[in-house]
Amino acid sequence: MPRRPVAAALLIVALGCDARTDDVAPSPPAAPPSALASRIAAIALAEHALWHRPFIDENGRLASMTVAEAEGARLADGRTEAWRRVAAYWRESGLLWRMRAMPGAAECAYSPDDAAAIALCRTFLIDHPWSAAFVSWVMTKAGVPGFVASPSHVEFVAHAYRAPGGRPYRLTDPALEAPAAGDLLCFVRSAGEPLGHAGLRAFLDSHGDAALPMHCEIVAAVGQGRAHLVGGNVLQGVTLRVLHVNRLGRLWGLPQRTGLDPGCAPERPQACSFNRQDWAALLKLDPSLQAAAPPPLPSPPAR
């Protein structure tokens, strides 16, 4: 009997999720994730646990939240302040140098103890989205060969679109291929253009390397009719998202923005869902890749 991926089993136990699949037929046994994919998923899940396991359920509702990005409150280890952990994502991903001109970035390059430096660093963490830094940190820790760290998600997507051989990721349509541990699932945050996968490809073809607000999350486990994703800076924490998959393992009933959606409002609660997004990209991890040694940390920028 094939073994269920360890990450998926641990996740279901940790969340106390209902493993029944009343509305979704179970997926057939899938090939076990590669060692690299398992490593990516394990690092992401460990961070989620450190943040007291906040999650968005399959109905798009925030189920729990304990601590936020720039707070001095402690994470689940009882020692680490939330803001210091976010600063570490910037620093240990090697991305802080790209932000060195921003107020507070230099203070985040070390572990400050004086009140003025702490305040400046925490201001930087609030003012600059860190979701891409989190993904970059996980990939750096996992030693994903060929992954290019970036403070912008669209750079992950554009690289996957243009990379020869699709290494380490290749861009696919989330409606057509099944997600697996180690993959990235992404949506467009911009209110205008693109919409969906076709719109994203058209944008990449016509706009080159132009900026596009996006957000990507790491697929941590797929099984029992559910996909579990972990994202950074999701409601100011490292948050898990639950989505449905069908018997083929593909995303099922994914709430997709159309551009004509009624706005979320107290009088329209049915229109409110954190899962309703412009889902446009599934980045598939090359299953043949093996983990590389993480690169050395860069020197902090001069103060």
Protein backbone atom coordinates (compact mmCIF):
# COMPACT_ATOMS: atom_id res chain seq x y z
CA MET A 1 0.00 0.00 0.00
CA PRO A 2 1.55 3.37 -1.00
CA ARG A 3 2.56 5.54 1.91
CA ARG A 4 0.78 8.87 2.27
CA PRO A 5 3.26 11.79 2.09
CA VAL A 6 4.44 12.53 5.62
CA ALA A 7 3.84 16.27 5.28
CA ALA A 8 0.17 15.74 4.42
CA ALA A 9 -0.37 13.34 7.30
CA LEU A 10 1.31 15.65 9.82
CA LEU A 11 -0.68 18.60 8.54
CA ILE A 12 -4.05 16.92 8.96
CA VAL A 13 -3.15 15.85 12.49
CA ALA A 14 -1.75 19.27 13.41
CA LEU A 15 -4.78 21.21 12.21
CA GLY A 16 -7.30 18.74 13.49
CA CYS A 17 -8.91 18.91 10.05
CA ASP A 18 -11.85 16.73 9.13
CA ALA A 19 -10.34 14.16 6.77
CA ARG A 20 -13.74 13.17 5.34
CA THR A 21 -14.39 13.90 1.70
CA ASP A 22 -18.16 14.19 1.61
CA ASP A 23 -18.17 16.54 -1.39
CA VAL A 24 -14.95 15.54 -3.19
CA ALA A 25 -14.00 12.04 -4.28
CA PRO A 26 -10.59 10.95 -2.96
CA SER A 27 -7.64 11.31 -5.28
CA PRO A 28 -5.91 8.19 -6.58
CA PRO A 29 -2.51 7.34 -5.13
CA ALA A 30 0.04 9.81 -6.44
CA ALA A 31 3.77 9.48 -6.83
CA PRO A 32 5.49 10.42 -3.58
CA PRO A 33 7.07 13.87 -3.60
CA SER A 34 10.75 14.17 -4.32
CA ALA A 35 13.18 14.73 -1.48
CA LEU A 36 13.48 18.39 -2.51
CA ALA A 37 9.70 18.87 -2.65
CA SER A 38 9.33 17.28 0.78
CA ARG A 39 12.05 19.56 2.14
CA ILE A 40 10.31 22.67 0.77
CA ALA A 41 6.99 21.56 2.26
CA ALA A 42 8.52 20.68 5.63
CA ILE A 43 10.21 24.08 5.99
CA ALA A 44 6.99 25.90 5.06
CA LEU A 45 4.91 23.82 7.48
CA ALA A 46 7.40 24.34 10.30
CA GLU A 47 7.13 28.11 9.84
CA HIS A 48 3.34 27.89 9.82
CA ALA A 49 3.46 26.00 13.12
CA LEU A 50 5.83 28.62 14.54
CA TRP A 51 3.23 31.31 13.78
CA HIS A 52 0.59 29.49 15.88
CA ARG A 53 -1.01 27.84 12.81
CA PRO A 54 -3.39 30.51 11.46
CA PHE A 55 -5.40 29.26 8.49
CA ILE A 56 -8.03 30.14 5.91
CA ASP A 57 -10.56 27.35 5.48
CA GLU A 58 -11.98 26.03 2.20
CA ASN A 59 -14.84 28.52 2.43
CA GLY A 60 -12.39 31.43 2.38
CA ARG A 61 -12.83 32.33 6.04
CA LEU A 62 -9.98 33.22 8.37
CA ALA A 63 -10.23 30.56 11.05
CA SER A 64 -7.58 31.80 13.45
CA MET A 65 -4.91 34.42 13.93
CA THR A 66 -2.68 34.89 16.97
CA VAL A 67 0.14 37.30 16.14
CA ALA A 68 0.95 39.79 13.38
CA GLU A 69 4.10 40.70 11.46
CA ALA A 70 5.50 43.69 13.35
CA GLU A 71 4.38 42.77 16.84
CA GLY A 72 6.69 42.08 19.74
CA ALA A 73 4.50 39.11 20.71
CA ARG A 74 6.28 35.76 20.82
CA LEU A 75 5.86 33.01 18.31
CA ALA A 76 5.10 29.42 19.31
CA ASP A 77 8.68 28.73 20.44
CA GLY A 78 8.09 31.19 23.29
CA ARG A 79 11.26 33.13 22.41
CA THR A 80 11.11 34.69 18.95
CA GLU A 81 9.37 38.01 18.53
CA ALA A 82 7.24 38.11 15.38
CA TRP A 83 8.96 41.15 13.89
CA ARG A 84 12.41 39.62 14.31
CA ARG A 85 11.29 36.52 12.39
CA VAL A 86 10.03 38.63 9.48
CA ALA A 87 13.30 40.57 9.45
CA ALA A 88 15.11 37.22 9.23
CA TYR A 89 13.12 36.30 6.10
CA TRP A 90 14.43 39.45 4.42
CA ARG A 91 17.96 39.03 5.72
CA GLU A 92 18.46 35.28 5.26
CA SER A 93 16.91 35.20 1.78
CA GLY A 94 19.62 37.63 0.68
CA LEU A 95 17.03 40.23 -0.38
CA LEU A 96 17.57 42.92 2.20
CA TRP A 97 20.38 44.49 0.18
CA ARG A 98 17.88 45.18 -2.64
CA MET A 99 15.82 47.20 -0.17
CA ARG A 100 18.79 49.01 1.39
CA ALA A 101 17.63 52.45 0.25
CA MET A 102 14.34 52.07 2.14
CA PRO A 103 14.06 53.59 5.62
CA GLY A 104 14.55 50.94 8.27
CA ALA A 105 16.15 48.33 5.99
CA ALA A 106 19.65 48.90 7.41
CA GLU A 107 18.32 48.45 10.94
CA CYS A 108 16.78 45.10 9.92
CA ALA A 109 20.17 43.91 8.65
CA TYR A 110 21.19 43.04 12.20
CA SER A 111 19.29 42.21 15.38
CA PRO A 112 18.87 45.64 16.98
CA ASP A 113 18.39 46.15 20.68
CA ASP A 114 18.01 49.91 20.98
CA ALA A 115 14.49 51.33 20.79
CA ALA A 116 15.09 53.69 17.84
CA ALA A 117 16.57 50.97 15.61
CA ILE A 118 13.81 48.53 16.55
CA ALA A 119 11.15 51.10 15.66
CA LEU A 120 12.77 51.79 12.27
CA CYS A 121 13.06 48.11 11.41
CA ARG A 122 9.47 47.42 12.42
CA THR A 123 8.31 50.33 10.27
CA PHE A 124 10.14 48.83 7.30
CA LEU A 125 8.42 45.47 7.89
CA ILE A 126 4.99 47.10 7.90
CA ASP A 127 5.60 49.28 4.85
CA HIS A 128 7.05 46.60 2.56
CA PRO A 129 5.18 43.39 1.70
CA TRP A 130 7.27 40.38 2.67
CA SER A 131 5.36 37.51 1.05
CA ALA A 132 7.91 37.09 -1.77
CA ALA A 133 10.74 37.35 0.76
CA PHE A 134 9.13 34.48 2.67
CA VAL A 135 8.94 32.28 -0.45
CA SER A 136 12.55 33.19 -1.26
CA TRP A 137 13.62 32.34 2.31
CA VAL A 138 11.97 28.90 2.13
CA MET A 139 13.55 28.15 -1.25
CA THR A 140 16.96 29.33 -0.01
CA LYS A 141 16.70 27.17 3.12
CA ALA A 142 15.59 24.19 1.01
CA GLY A 143 18.51 24.67 -1.39
CA VAL A 144 16.39 24.79 -4.57
CA PRO A 145 18.95 24.91 -7.41
CA GLY A 146 18.44 27.71 -9.90
CA PHE A 147 15.81 29.54 -7.84
CA VAL A 148 16.24 33.30 -8.12
CA ALA A 149 15.21 35.08 -4.92
CA SER A 150 13.12 38.20 -5.42
CA PRO A 151 11.01 40.66 -3.42
CA SER A 152 8.45 40.46 -6.26
CA HIS A 153 6.35 37.38 -7.06
CA VAL A 154 6.01 38.23 -10.74
CA GLU A 155 9.75 37.63 -11.10
CA PHE A 156 9.22 34.00 -10.00
CA VAL A 157 6.48 33.65 -12.60
CA ALA A 158 8.37 35.39 -15.41
CA HIS A 159 11.46 33.26 -14.75
CA ALA A 160 9.38 30.07 -14.88
CA TYR A 161 7.78 31.28 -18.13
CA ARG A 162 11.09 31.99 -19.82
CA ALA A 163 13.51 29.54 -18.18
CA PRO A 164 14.93 26.94 -20.59
CA GLY A 165 13.60 23.51 -19.66
CA GLY A 166 11.40 24.98 -16.93
CA ARG A 167 14.06 24.83 -14.23
CA PRO A 168 13.52 24.93 -11.36
CA TYR A 169 9.86 25.75 -12.08
CA ARG A 170 7.72 25.81 -15.21
CA LEU A 171 4.62 27.93 -15.64
CA THR A 172 1.35 26.03 -16.07
CA ASP A 173 -2.39 26.71 -15.96
CA PRO A 174 -3.79 25.95 -12.47
CA ALA A 175 -7.02 24.79 -14.14
CA LEU A 176 -5.24 22.10 -16.16
CA GLU A 177 -2.52 20.56 -14.00
CA ALA A 178 -2.59 19.15 -10.49
CA PRO A 179 -0.63 20.90 -7.74
CA ALA A 180 1.87 18.90 -5.70
CA ALA A 181 4.10 19.51 -2.71
CA GLY A 182 6.83 22.00 -3.51
CA ASP A 183 4.87 23.80 -6.24
CA LEU A 184 3.81 27.46 -6.11
CA LEU A 185 0.24 28.61 -6.72
CA CYS A 186 -0.09 32.29 -7.58
CA PHE A 187 -2.75 34.94 -8.13
CA VAL A 188 -2.69 38.44 -9.59
CA ARG A 189 -3.47 41.16 -7.06
CA SER A 190 -3.92 43.99 -9.55
CA ALA A 191 -7.49 45.20 -10.11
CA GLY A 192 -6.91 45.58 -13.86
CA GLU A 193 -5.35 43.03 -16.23
CA PRO A 194 -4.63 40.17 -16.52
CA LEU A 195 -7.53 37.78 -15.58
CA GLY A 196 -6.70 34.12 -15.37
CA HIS A 197 -3.86 32.19 -16.93
CA ALA A 198 -4.42 33.41 -20.49
CA GLY A 199 -4.42 37.01 -19.32
CA LEU A 200 -1.19 36.47 -17.41
CA ARG A 201 0.57 34.98 -20.42
CA ALA A 202 -0.61 37.85 -22.59
CA PHE A 203 0.75 40.31 -20.04
CA LEU A 204 4.14 38.58 -19.89
CA ASP A 205 4.35 38.53 -23.69
CA SER A 206 3.42 42.19 -24.15
CA HIS A 207 4.96 43.84 -21.10
CA GLY A 208 8.31 42.10 -20.80
CA ASP A 209 9.64 42.45 -17.26
CA ALA A 210 7.11 45.08 -16.17
CA ALA A 211 5.97 45.01 -12.57
CA LEU A 212 2.72 43.22 -11.79
CA PRO A 213 1.33 42.86 -8.27
CA MET A 214 1.09 39.11 -7.57
CA HIS A 215 1.14 36.70 -4.65
CA CYS A 216 2.43 33.10 -4.55
CA GLU A 217 2.00 30.42 -1.91
CA ILE A 218 3.84 27.14 -1.39
CA VAL A 219 1.91 23.91 -1.88
CA ALA A 220 2.66 21.97 1.28
CA ALA A 221 0.45 18.89 0.86
CA VAL A 222 -2.29 17.50 -1.38
CA GLY A 223 -4.56 14.67 -0.31
CA GLN A 224 -7.96 13.71 1.07
CA GLY A 225 -9.64 16.09 -1.37
CA ARG A 226 -7.74 19.11 -0.11
CA ALA A 227 -4.69 21.14 -1.08
CA HIS A 228 -2.87 22.91 1.73
CA LEU A 229 -0.83 26.00 0.87
CA VAL A 230 1.44 28.09 3.09
CA GLY A 231 1.99 31.78 2.37
CA GLY A 232 3.84 34.60 4.08
CA ASN A 233 2.31 38.00 4.79
CA VAL A 234 -1.14 36.46 4.41
CA LEU A 235 -3.20 38.52 6.86
CA GLN A 236 0.09 39.63 8.45
CA GLY A 237 1.37 36.17 9.29
CA VAL A 238 2.52 32.84 7.88
CA THR A 239 -0.87 31.40 7.10
CA LEU A 240 -2.16 28.13 5.70
CA ARG A 241 -4.88 28.09 3.01
CA VAL A 242 -7.18 25.13 2.29
CA LEU A 243 -8.51 24.56 -1.25
CA HIS A 244 -10.52 21.72 -2.78
CA VAL A 245 -9.06 19.25 -5.29
CA ASN A 246 -10.99 16.69 -7.34
CA ARG A 247 -10.36 12.97 -7.84
CA LEU A 248 -7.63 13.79 -10.36
CA GLY A 249 -5.85 15.96 -7.82
CA ARG A 250 -6.67 19.16 -9.72
CA LEU A 251 -7.99 22.28 -8.06
CA TRP A 252 -11.77 22.05 -7.93
CA GLY A 253 -14.29 24.84 -7.50
CA LEU A 254 -11.47 27.38 -7.19
CA PRO A 255 -13.10 30.76 -6.47
CA GLN A 256 -11.92 32.81 -9.43
CA ARG A 257 -12.30 36.55 -9.88
CA THR A 258 -14.01 37.50 -13.13
CA GLY A 259 -13.89 41.29 -13.00
CA LEU A 260 -17.66 41.41 -12.56
CA ASP A 261 -17.76 40.08 -9.02
CA PRO A 262 -20.00 41.86 -6.52
CA GLY A 263 -17.95 43.61 -3.89
CA CYS A 264 -17.55 42.14 -0.44
CA ALA A 265 -19.74 44.11 1.98
CA PRO A 266 -21.78 43.49 5.14
CA GLU A 267 -24.93 43.31 3.03
CA ARG A 268 -23.27 40.84 0.63
CA PRO A 269 -21.48 38.34 2.87
CA GLN A 270 -21.81 35.66 0.19
CA ALA A 271 -19.36 37.70 -1.93
CA CYS A 272 -16.70 37.63 0.80
CA SER A 273 -13.97 35.01 0.53
CA PHE A 274 -10.22 35.25 1.00
CA ASN A 275 -9.98 32.42 -1.53
CA ARG A 276 -11.66 34.34 -4.37
CA GLN A 277 -8.67 35.63 -6.29
CA ASP A 278 -7.38 35.99 -9.83
CA TRP A 279 -5.63 32.61 -9.73
CA ALA A 280 -3.40 32.66 -12.79
CA ALA A 281 -0.28 30.54 -12.34
CA LEU A 282 0.78 27.15 -11.06
CA LEU A 283 4.56 26.84 -10.96
CA LYS A 284 5.48 23.16 -11.16
CA LEU A 285 8.71 22.08 -9.50
CA ASP A 286 11.03 20.00 -11.67
CA PRO A 287 10.80 16.54 -9.99
CA SER A 288 14.32 15.61 -11.08
CA LEU A 289 15.98 18.35 -9.03
CA GLN A 290 18.01 17.55 -5.95
CA ALA A 291 18.63 19.95 -3.09
CA ALA A 292 21.75 22.07 -3.29
CA ALA A 293 23.71 23.56 -0.42
CA PRO A 294 22.09 26.88 0.57
CA PRO A 295 24.21 29.86 -0.50
CA PRO A 296 26.17 31.80 2.14
CA LEU A 297 24.41 34.77 3.66
CA PRO A 298 25.35 38.12 2.14
CA SER A 299 27.12 40.79 4.14
CA PRO A 300 24.72 43.34 5.68
CA PRO A 301 24.48 46.69 3.87
CA ALA A 302 26.61 49.53 5.21
CA ARG A 303 24.80 51.76 7.65
